[in-house]
Amino acid sequence: MHAQIVLFDGFDPLDVIAPYEVLYAGGTASGGAVTVELVSADGPREVVSGTGALSLRATGTLDPERAGLVLVPGAAGRVGGPGETPDHDAGAGEWQQDELVPVLLGRTLTTELPTLLKAAMENPEVTVATVCGGSLVLAMAGLLEGRPATTHHMGMEMLDATGAHAVHARVVDDGDFVSGAGVTSGLDLGLHLLEREIGPRIAHAVEGLFAHERRGTVWRRRGPAPVGL
């Protein structure tokens, strides 16, 4: 399985690094059954995160025709121009992060990312996954209408407003679309994907390596629907 993790200006670093390390370790433990790279919609470049202007390098262009996994992170931090270093001298009282994250996510709609993600969603050989606000990127692009998904708890109403079906679970597995909730859910999402695609023994070995026990519910569209709750 080849995993393409998408970078965009203002991305949340932990949304990227947590699943990257899990999937990379899974590749090592499986003898190369998993490969992972950082990509962007506009090709190789340094991409500045929304947290402390941390920069990561995208080494390639997102390819929706390549079989495997495409993973979209959420955003964090202050609003500035694309690639702009945040103003650390500004007073903390001048902004609220939960108000700014939708703006950062919304900026992806002016790039080629929605078109590439639409093509990935339509490719039967690709699983699209998201961490935290990453599901809102797809939702705002009109790609999750009627699909169950999760996101950070502060974005659940926004997710519902786009026509998606917001599910309060740590990980929501809807087949070719898998979403994780809050920021640290990237660890659990990565481990779930490893178990699903490569096997539980590999996932368990990576859990042990990181001394992390998965938590929360993995929701799937299976079994009878609950009533009276």
C-alpha atoms as a PDB file:
ATOM      1  CA  MET A   1       0.000   0.000   0.000  1.00  0.00           C
ATOM      2  CA  HIS A   2       1.353   3.398  -0.979  1.00  0.00           C
ATOM      3  CA  ALA A   3       0.205   6.319   1.185  1.00  0.00           C
ATOM      4  CA  GLN A   4       0.205   9.916  -0.026  1.00  0.00           C
ATOM      5  CA  ILE A   5      -0.144  12.382   2.861  1.00  0.00           C
ATOM      6  CA  VAL A   6      -1.251  15.791   1.644  1.00  0.00           C
ATOM      7  CA  LEU A   7       0.336  19.050   2.786  1.00  0.00           C
ATOM      8  CA  PHE A   8      -1.271  22.451   2.328  1.00  0.00           C
ATOM      9  CA  ASP A   9      -0.504  25.875   3.787  1.00  0.00           C
ATOM     10  CA  GLY A  10      -1.646  25.982   7.404  1.00  0.00           C
ATOM     11  CA  PHE A  11      -1.769  22.201   7.945  1.00  0.00           C
ATOM     12  CA  ASP A  12      -1.684  20.834  11.483  1.00  0.00           C
ATOM     13  CA  PRO A  13       1.714  19.126  12.008  1.00  0.00           C
ATOM     14  CA  LEU A  14       0.480  16.350  14.306  1.00  0.00           C
ATOM     15  CA  ASP A  15      -2.273  15.438  11.835  1.00  0.00           C
ATOM     16  CA  VAL A  16       0.550  14.673   9.387  1.00  0.00           C
ATOM     17  CA  ILE A  17       3.358  13.325  11.560  1.00  0.00           C
ATOM     18  CA  ALA A  18       1.296  10.880  13.666  1.00  0.00           C
ATOM     19  CA  PRO A  19      -0.078   8.826  10.745  1.00  0.00           C
ATOM     20  CA  TYR A  20       3.189   9.251   8.822  1.00  0.00           C
ATOM     21  CA  GLU A  21       5.197   7.602  11.611  1.00  0.00           C
ATOM     22  CA  VAL A  22       2.619   4.842  12.107  1.00  0.00           C
ATOM     23  CA  LEU A  23       2.469   4.001   8.408  1.00  0.00           C
ATOM     24  CA  TYR A  24       6.242   4.259   7.967  1.00  0.00           C
ATOM     25  CA  ALA A  25       6.789   1.926  10.918  1.00  0.00           C
ATOM     26  CA  GLY A  26       4.197  -0.412   9.427  1.00  0.00           C
ATOM     27  CA  GLY A  27       6.175  -0.462   6.220  1.00  0.00           C
ATOM     28  CA  THR A  28       9.343  -1.372   8.108  1.00  0.00           C
ATOM     29  CA  ALA A  29       7.596  -4.084  10.141  1.00  0.00           C
ATOM     30  CA  SER A  30       5.999  -5.586   7.034  1.00  0.00           C
ATOM     31  CA  GLY A  31       9.127  -5.693   4.924  1.00  0.00           C
ATOM     32  CA  GLY A  32       8.028  -2.856   2.663  1.00  0.00           C
ATOM     33  CA  ALA A  33       4.320  -3.608   2.260  1.00  0.00           C
ATOM     34  CA  VAL A  34       3.621   0.053   3.082  1.00  0.00           C
ATOM     35  CA  THR A  35       5.342   3.099   1.595  1.00  0.00           C
ATOM     36  CA  VAL A  36       4.548   6.695   2.464  1.00  0.00           C
ATOM     37  CA  GLU A  37       5.355  10.127   1.060  1.00  0.00           C
ATOM     38  CA  LEU A  38       4.394  13.758   1.625  1.00  0.00           C
ATOM     39  CA  VAL A  39       2.741  15.437  -1.366  1.00  0.00           C
ATOM     40  CA  SER A  40       0.943  18.663  -2.223  1.00  0.00           C
ATOM     41  CA  ALA A  41      -1.582  19.710  -4.850  1.00  0.00           C
ATOM     42  CA  ASP A  42       0.994  21.845  -6.614  1.00  0.00           C
ATOM     43  CA  GLY A  43       4.073  19.674  -6.532  1.00  0.00           C
ATOM     44  CA  PRO A  44       7.338  19.547  -4.602  1.00  0.00           C
ATOM     45  CA  ARG A  45       7.816  22.517  -2.272  1.00  0.00           C
ATOM     46  CA  GLU A  46       8.313  23.590   1.309  1.00  0.00           C
ATOM     47  CA  VAL A  47       4.898  23.831   2.966  1.00  0.00           C
ATOM     48  CA  VAL A  48       4.444  25.920   6.096  1.00  0.00           C
ATOM     49  CA  SER A  49       2.201  24.572   8.835  1.00  0.00           C
ATOM     50  CA  GLY A  50      -0.198  26.616  10.909  1.00  0.00           C
ATOM     51  CA  THR A  51       1.658  25.864  14.132  1.00  0.00           C
ATOM     52  CA  GLY A  52       4.828  27.824  14.793  1.00  0.00           C
ATOM     53  CA  ALA A  53       5.617  28.091  11.069  1.00  0.00           C
ATOM     54  CA  LEU A  54       6.982  24.539  11.078  1.00  0.00           C
ATOM     55  CA  SER A  55       7.884  23.625   7.508  1.00  0.00           C
ATOM     56  CA  LEU A  56       7.716  20.190   5.890  1.00  0.00           C
ATOM     57  CA  ARG A  57       8.738  19.365   2.339  1.00  0.00           C
ATOM     58  CA  ALA A  58       6.311  17.833  -0.123  1.00  0.00           C
ATOM     59  CA  THR A  59       8.403  15.623  -2.378  1.00  0.00           C
ATOM     60  CA  GLY A  60       5.789  15.052  -5.060  1.00  0.00           C
ATOM     61  CA  THR A  61       2.425  15.999  -6.528  1.00  0.00           C
ATOM     62  CA  LEU A  62      -0.746  14.314  -5.265  1.00  0.00           C
ATOM     63  CA  ASP A  63      -1.584  11.610  -7.813  1.00  0.00           C
ATOM     64  CA  PRO A  64      -5.235  10.500  -7.577  1.00  0.00           C
ATOM     65  CA  GLU A  65      -4.628   7.738 -10.120  1.00  0.00           C
ATOM     66  CA  ARG A  66      -2.102   5.929  -7.937  1.00  0.00           C
ATOM     67  CA  ALA A  67      -3.606   3.011  -6.043  1.00  0.00           C
ATOM     68  CA  GLY A  68      -3.389   3.081  -2.269  1.00  0.00           C
ATOM     69  CA  LEU A  69      -4.153   5.692   0.347  1.00  0.00           C
ATOM     70  CA  VAL A  70      -4.588   9.470   0.196  1.00  0.00           C
ATOM     71  CA  LEU A  71      -4.618  11.111   3.630  1.00  0.00           C
ATOM     72  CA  VAL A  72      -5.735  14.702   4.253  1.00  0.00           C
ATOM     73  CA  PRO A  73      -4.864  16.474   7.540  1.00  0.00           C
ATOM     74  CA  GLY A  74      -6.647  19.345   9.197  1.00  0.00           C
ATOM     75  CA  ALA A  75      -5.371  22.842   9.878  1.00  0.00           C
ATOM     76  CA  ALA A  76      -4.191  24.826  12.892  1.00  0.00           C
ATOM     77  CA  GLY A  77      -2.908  28.256  13.813  1.00  0.00           C
ATOM     78  CA  ARG A  78      -3.320  31.801  12.657  1.00  0.00           C
ATOM     79  CA  VAL A  79      -4.551  33.203   9.395  1.00  0.00           C
ATOM     80  CA  GLY A  80      -1.981  34.814   7.121  1.00  0.00           C
ATOM     81  CA  GLY A  81      -1.009  34.770   3.484  1.00  0.00           C
ATOM     82  CA  PRO A  82      -0.105  31.422   1.881  1.00  0.00           C
ATOM     83  CA  GLY A  83       3.170  30.319   3.389  1.00  0.00           C
ATOM     84  CA  GLU A  84       3.306  33.386   5.617  1.00  0.00           C
ATOM     85  CA  THR A  85       5.052  33.096   8.953  1.00  0.00           C
ATOM     86  CA  PRO A  86       2.630  33.734  11.831  1.00  0.00           C
ATOM     87  CA  ASP A  87       3.061  36.938  13.805  1.00  0.00           C
ATOM     88  CA  HIS A  88       4.186  35.685  17.197  1.00  0.00           C
ATOM     89  CA  ASP A  89       4.198  39.233  18.608  1.00  0.00           C
ATOM     90  CA  ALA A  90       0.462  39.650  18.202  1.00  0.00           C
ATOM     91  CA  GLY A  91      -1.564  39.407  21.383  1.00  0.00           C
ATOM     92  CA  ALA A  92      -3.164  36.066  22.035  1.00  0.00           C
ATOM     93  CA  GLY A  93      -6.455  37.849  22.699  1.00  0.00           C
ATOM     94  CA  GLU A  94      -6.661  39.067  19.108  1.00  0.00           C
ATOM     95  CA  TRP A  95      -7.681  35.710  17.680  1.00  0.00           C
ATOM     96  CA  GLN A  96      -9.452  32.459  18.450  1.00  0.00           C
ATOM     97  CA  GLN A  97      -8.014  29.339  16.866  1.00  0.00           C
ATOM     98  CA  ASP A  98     -11.375  27.589  16.528  1.00  0.00           C
ATOM     99  CA  GLU A  99     -12.632  30.546  14.458  1.00  0.00           C
ATOM    100  CA  LEU A 100      -9.591  30.612  12.181  1.00  0.00           C
ATOM    101  CA  VAL A 101      -9.254  26.934  11.336  1.00  0.00           C
ATOM    102  CA  PRO A 102     -12.290  26.957   8.958  1.00  0.00           C
ATOM    103  CA  VAL A 103     -10.681  29.876   7.109  1.00  0.00           C
ATOM    104  CA  LEU A 104      -7.439  27.950   6.655  1.00  0.00           C
ATOM    105  CA  LEU A 105      -9.346  24.874   5.524  1.00  0.00           C
ATOM    106  CA  GLY A 106     -11.479  26.964   3.187  1.00  0.00           C
ATOM    107  CA  ARG A 107      -8.397  28.275   1.417  1.00  0.00           C
ATOM    108  CA  THR A 108      -7.731  24.804   0.063  1.00  0.00           C
ATOM    109  CA  LEU A 109     -10.854  25.236  -2.083  1.00  0.00           C
ATOM    110  CA  THR A 110      -9.022  27.860  -4.159  1.00  0.00           C
ATOM    111  CA  THR A 111      -6.273  25.355  -5.056  1.00  0.00           C
ATOM    112  CA  GLU A 112      -6.233  22.227  -7.214  1.00  0.00           C
ATOM    113  CA  LEU A 113      -6.734  20.072  -4.119  1.00  0.00           C
ATOM    114  CA  PRO A 114     -10.551  19.642  -4.393  1.00  0.00           C
ATOM    115  CA  THR A 115     -10.264  18.501  -8.018  1.00  0.00           C
ATOM    116  CA  LEU A 116      -7.539  16.005  -7.150  1.00  0.00           C
ATOM    117  CA  LEU A 117      -9.476  14.718  -4.135  1.00  0.00           C
ATOM    118  CA  LYS A 118     -12.617  14.279  -6.239  1.00  0.00           C
ATOM    119  CA  ALA A 119     -10.618  12.143  -8.665  1.00  0.00           C
ATOM    120  CA  ALA A 120      -9.199  10.133  -5.765  1.00  0.00           C
ATOM    121  CA  MET A 121     -12.675   9.580  -4.317  1.00  0.00           C
ATOM    122  CA  GLU A 122     -13.851   8.290  -7.699  1.00  0.00           C
ATOM    123  CA  ASN A 123     -10.920   5.892  -8.058  1.00  0.00           C
ATOM    124  CA  PRO A 124     -11.953   2.414  -6.833  1.00  0.00           C
ATOM    125  CA  GLU A 125      -8.314   1.598  -6.092  1.00  0.00           C
ATOM    126  CA  VAL A 126      -7.889   4.514  -3.660  1.00  0.00           C
ATOM    127  CA  THR A 127      -8.937   4.852  -0.032  1.00  0.00           C
ATOM    128  CA  VAL A 128      -9.216   8.472   1.101  1.00  0.00           C
ATOM    129  CA  ALA A 129      -8.591   9.122   4.794  1.00  0.00           C
ATOM    130  CA  THR A 130      -8.714  12.273   6.899  1.00  0.00           C
ATOM    131  CA  VAL A 131      -7.531  13.399  10.308  1.00  0.00           C
ATOM    132  CA  CYS A 132      -9.357  16.016  12.366  1.00  0.00           C
ATOM    133  CA  GLY A 133     -10.411  18.930  10.114  1.00  0.00           C
ATOM    134  CA  GLY A 134      -9.289  17.088   7.000  1.00  0.00           C
ATOM    135  CA  SER A 135     -12.811  15.733   6.587  1.00  0.00           C
ATOM    136  CA  LEU A 136     -14.061  19.328   6.446  1.00  0.00           C
ATOM    137  CA  VAL A 137     -11.843  19.977   3.420  1.00  0.00           C
ATOM    138  CA  LEU A 138     -13.683  17.226   1.544  1.00  0.00           C
ATOM    139  CA  ALA A 139     -17.052  18.252   2.988  1.00  0.00           C
ATOM    140  CA  MET A 140     -16.682  21.903   1.962  1.00  0.00           C
ATOM    141  CA  ALA A 141     -15.732  20.712  -1.525  1.00  0.00           C
ATOM    142  CA  GLY A 142     -19.044  18.830  -1.714  1.00  0.00           C
ATOM    143  CA  LEU A 143     -17.429  15.396  -1.658  1.00  0.00           C
ATOM    144  CA  LEU A 144     -19.031  13.935   1.489  1.00  0.00           C
ATOM    145  CA  GLU A 145     -22.742  14.459   0.932  1.00  0.00           C
ATOM    146  CA  GLY A 146     -24.578  11.593   2.614  1.00  0.00           C
ATOM    147  CA  ARG A 147     -21.325   9.984   3.789  1.00  0.00           C
ATOM    148  CA  PRO A 148     -20.681   9.201   7.466  1.00  0.00           C
ATOM    149  CA  ALA A 149     -17.620  11.009   8.793  1.00  0.00           C
ATOM    150  CA  THR A 150     -16.052  12.395  11.923  1.00  0.00           C
ATOM    151  CA  THR A 151     -13.866  15.379  12.715  1.00  0.00           C
ATOM    152  CA  HIS A 152     -12.729  17.490  15.664  1.00  0.00           C
ATOM    153  CA  HIS A 153     -15.613  17.931  18.104  1.00  0.00           C
ATOM    154  CA  MET A 154     -15.767  21.674  17.350  1.00  0.00           C
ATOM    155  CA  GLY A 155     -16.375  20.961  13.672  1.00  0.00           C
ATOM    156  CA  MET A 156     -19.197  18.429  13.935  1.00  0.00           C
ATOM    157  CA  GLU A 157     -21.989  20.949  13.287  1.00  0.00           C
ATOM    158  CA  MET A 158     -20.127  22.277  10.264  1.00  0.00           C
ATOM    159  CA  LEU A 159     -19.725  18.722   8.971  1.00  0.00           C
ATOM    160  CA  ASP A 160     -23.477  18.121   9.256  1.00  0.00           C
ATOM    161  CA  ALA A 161     -24.202  21.458   7.567  1.00  0.00           C
ATOM    162  CA  THR A 162     -22.362  20.330   4.427  1.00  0.00           C
ATOM    163  CA  GLY A 163     -24.636  17.319   3.979  1.00  0.00           C
ATOM    164  CA  ALA A 164     -22.303  14.752   5.519  1.00  0.00           C
ATOM    165  CA  HIS A 165     -23.510  12.532   8.358  1.00  0.00           C
ATOM    166  CA  ALA A 166     -21.464  13.451  11.421  1.00  0.00           C
ATOM    167  CA  VAL A 167     -20.682  10.466  13.645  1.00  0.00           C
ATOM    168  CA  HIS A 168     -19.271  10.877  17.153  1.00  0.00           C
ATOM    169  CA  ALA A 169     -16.595   8.169  17.019  1.00  0.00           C
ATOM    170  CA  ARG A 170     -12.817   8.059  17.197  1.00  0.00           C
ATOM    171  CA  VAL A 171     -12.559   6.542  13.713  1.00  0.00           C
ATOM    172  CA  VAL A 172     -15.303   6.207  11.102  1.00  0.00           C
ATOM    173  CA  ASP A 173     -14.651   3.498   8.498  1.00  0.00           C
ATOM    174  CA  ASP A 174     -16.960   3.794   5.499  1.00  0.00           C
ATOM    175  CA  GLY A 175     -15.011   1.554   3.160  1.00  0.00           C
ATOM    176  CA  ASP A 176     -13.169   3.764   0.698  1.00  0.00           C
ATOM    177  CA  PHE A 177     -13.390   6.751   3.042  1.00  0.00           C
ATOM    178  CA  VAL A 178     -12.005   6.623   6.590  1.00  0.00           C
ATOM    179  CA  SER A 179     -11.949   9.612   8.946  1.00  0.00           C
ATOM    180  CA  GLY A 180     -10.396  10.320  12.338  1.00  0.00           C
ATOM    181  CA  ALA A 181     -11.725  12.674  15.014  1.00  0.00           C
ATOM    182  CA  GLY A 182      -9.428  14.987  17.014  1.00  0.00           C
ATOM    183  CA  VAL A 183      -5.750  15.679  16.396  1.00  0.00           C
ATOM    184  CA  THR A 184      -4.296  12.645  18.175  1.00  0.00           C
ATOM    185  CA  SER A 185      -6.714  10.347  16.352  1.00  0.00           C
ATOM    186  CA  GLY A 186      -4.110  10.232  13.580  1.00  0.00           C
ATOM    187  CA  LEU A 187      -2.351   7.536  15.616  1.00  0.00           C
ATOM    188  CA  ASP A 188      -5.503   5.442  15.915  1.00  0.00           C
ATOM    189  CA  LEU A 189      -6.478   6.044  12.293  1.00  0.00           C
ATOM    190  CA  GLY A 190      -3.050   4.940  11.087  1.00  0.00           C
ATOM    191  CA  LEU A 191      -3.130   1.804  13.230  1.00  0.00           C
ATOM    192  CA  HIS A 192      -6.651   0.964  12.067  1.00  0.00           C
ATOM    193  CA  LEU A 193      -5.581   1.289   8.429  1.00  0.00           C
ATOM    194  CA  LEU A 194      -2.526  -0.880   9.071  1.00  0.00           C
ATOM    195  CA  GLU A 195      -4.686  -3.573  10.659  1.00  0.00           C
ATOM    196  CA  ARG A 196      -7.288  -3.361   7.887  1.00  0.00           C
ATOM    197  CA  GLU A 197      -4.901  -3.339   4.940  1.00  0.00           C
ATOM    198  CA  ILE A 198      -1.827  -5.244   6.177  1.00  0.00           C
ATOM    199  CA  GLY A 199      -2.963  -7.254   9.182  1.00  0.00           C
ATOM    200  CA  PRO A 200      -3.422  -7.152  12.971  1.00  0.00           C
ATOM    201  CA  ARG A 201       0.021  -8.560  13.767  1.00  0.00           C
ATOM    202  CA  ILE A 202       1.738  -5.645  12.025  1.00  0.00           C
ATOM    203  CA  ALA A 203      -0.595  -3.125  13.656  1.00  0.00           C
ATOM    204  CA  HIS A 204      -0.007  -4.698  17.079  1.00  0.00           C
ATOM    205  CA  ALA A 205       3.769  -4.563  16.596  1.00  0.00           C
ATOM    206  CA  VAL A 206       3.614  -0.852  15.758  1.00  0.00           C
ATOM    207  CA  GLU A 207       1.365  -0.231  18.768  1.00  0.00           C
ATOM    208  CA  GLY A 208       4.013  -1.817  20.948  1.00  0.00           C
ATOM    209  CA  LEU A 209       6.799   0.184  19.315  1.00  0.00           C
ATOM    210  CA  PHE A 210       5.023   3.467  20.050  1.00  0.00           C
ATOM    211  CA  ALA A 211       3.711   2.326  23.452  1.00  0.00           C
ATOM    212  CA  HIS A 212       0.269   3.504  22.349  1.00  0.00           C
ATOM    213  CA  GLU A 213      -2.947   1.635  23.007  1.00  0.00           C
ATOM    214  CA  ARG A 214      -5.705   2.491  20.573  1.00  0.00           C
ATOM    215  CA  ARG A 215      -8.764   4.055  22.153  1.00  0.00           C
ATOM    216  CA  GLY A 216     -12.288   5.016  21.205  1.00  0.00           C
ATOM    217  CA  THR A 217     -14.803   3.428  18.891  1.00  0.00           C
ATOM    218  CA  VAL A 218     -14.293   2.471  15.245  1.00  0.00           C
ATOM    219  CA  TRP A 219     -17.710   3.036  13.616  1.00  0.00           C
ATOM    220  CA  ARG A 220     -18.701   1.001  10.563  1.00  0.00           C
ATOM    221  CA  ARG A 221     -21.875   0.868   8.516  1.00  0.00           C
ATOM    222  CA  ARG A 222     -22.671  -2.661   9.689  1.00  0.00           C
ATOM    223  CA  GLY A 223     -25.330  -4.391  11.734  1.00  0.00           C
ATOM    224  CA  PRO A 224     -28.808  -3.138  12.683  1.00  0.00           C
ATOM    225  CA  ALA A 225     -29.397   0.574  13.192  1.00  0.00           C
ATOM    226  CA  PRO A 226     -29.956   1.543  16.846  1.00  0.00           C
ATOM    227  CA  VAL A 227     -33.469   2.537  17.905  1.00  0.00           C
ATOM    228  CA  GLY A 228     -34.803   4.311  20.975  1.00  0.00           C
ATOM    229  CA  LEU A 229     -31.511   5.998  21.851  1.00  0.00           C
END
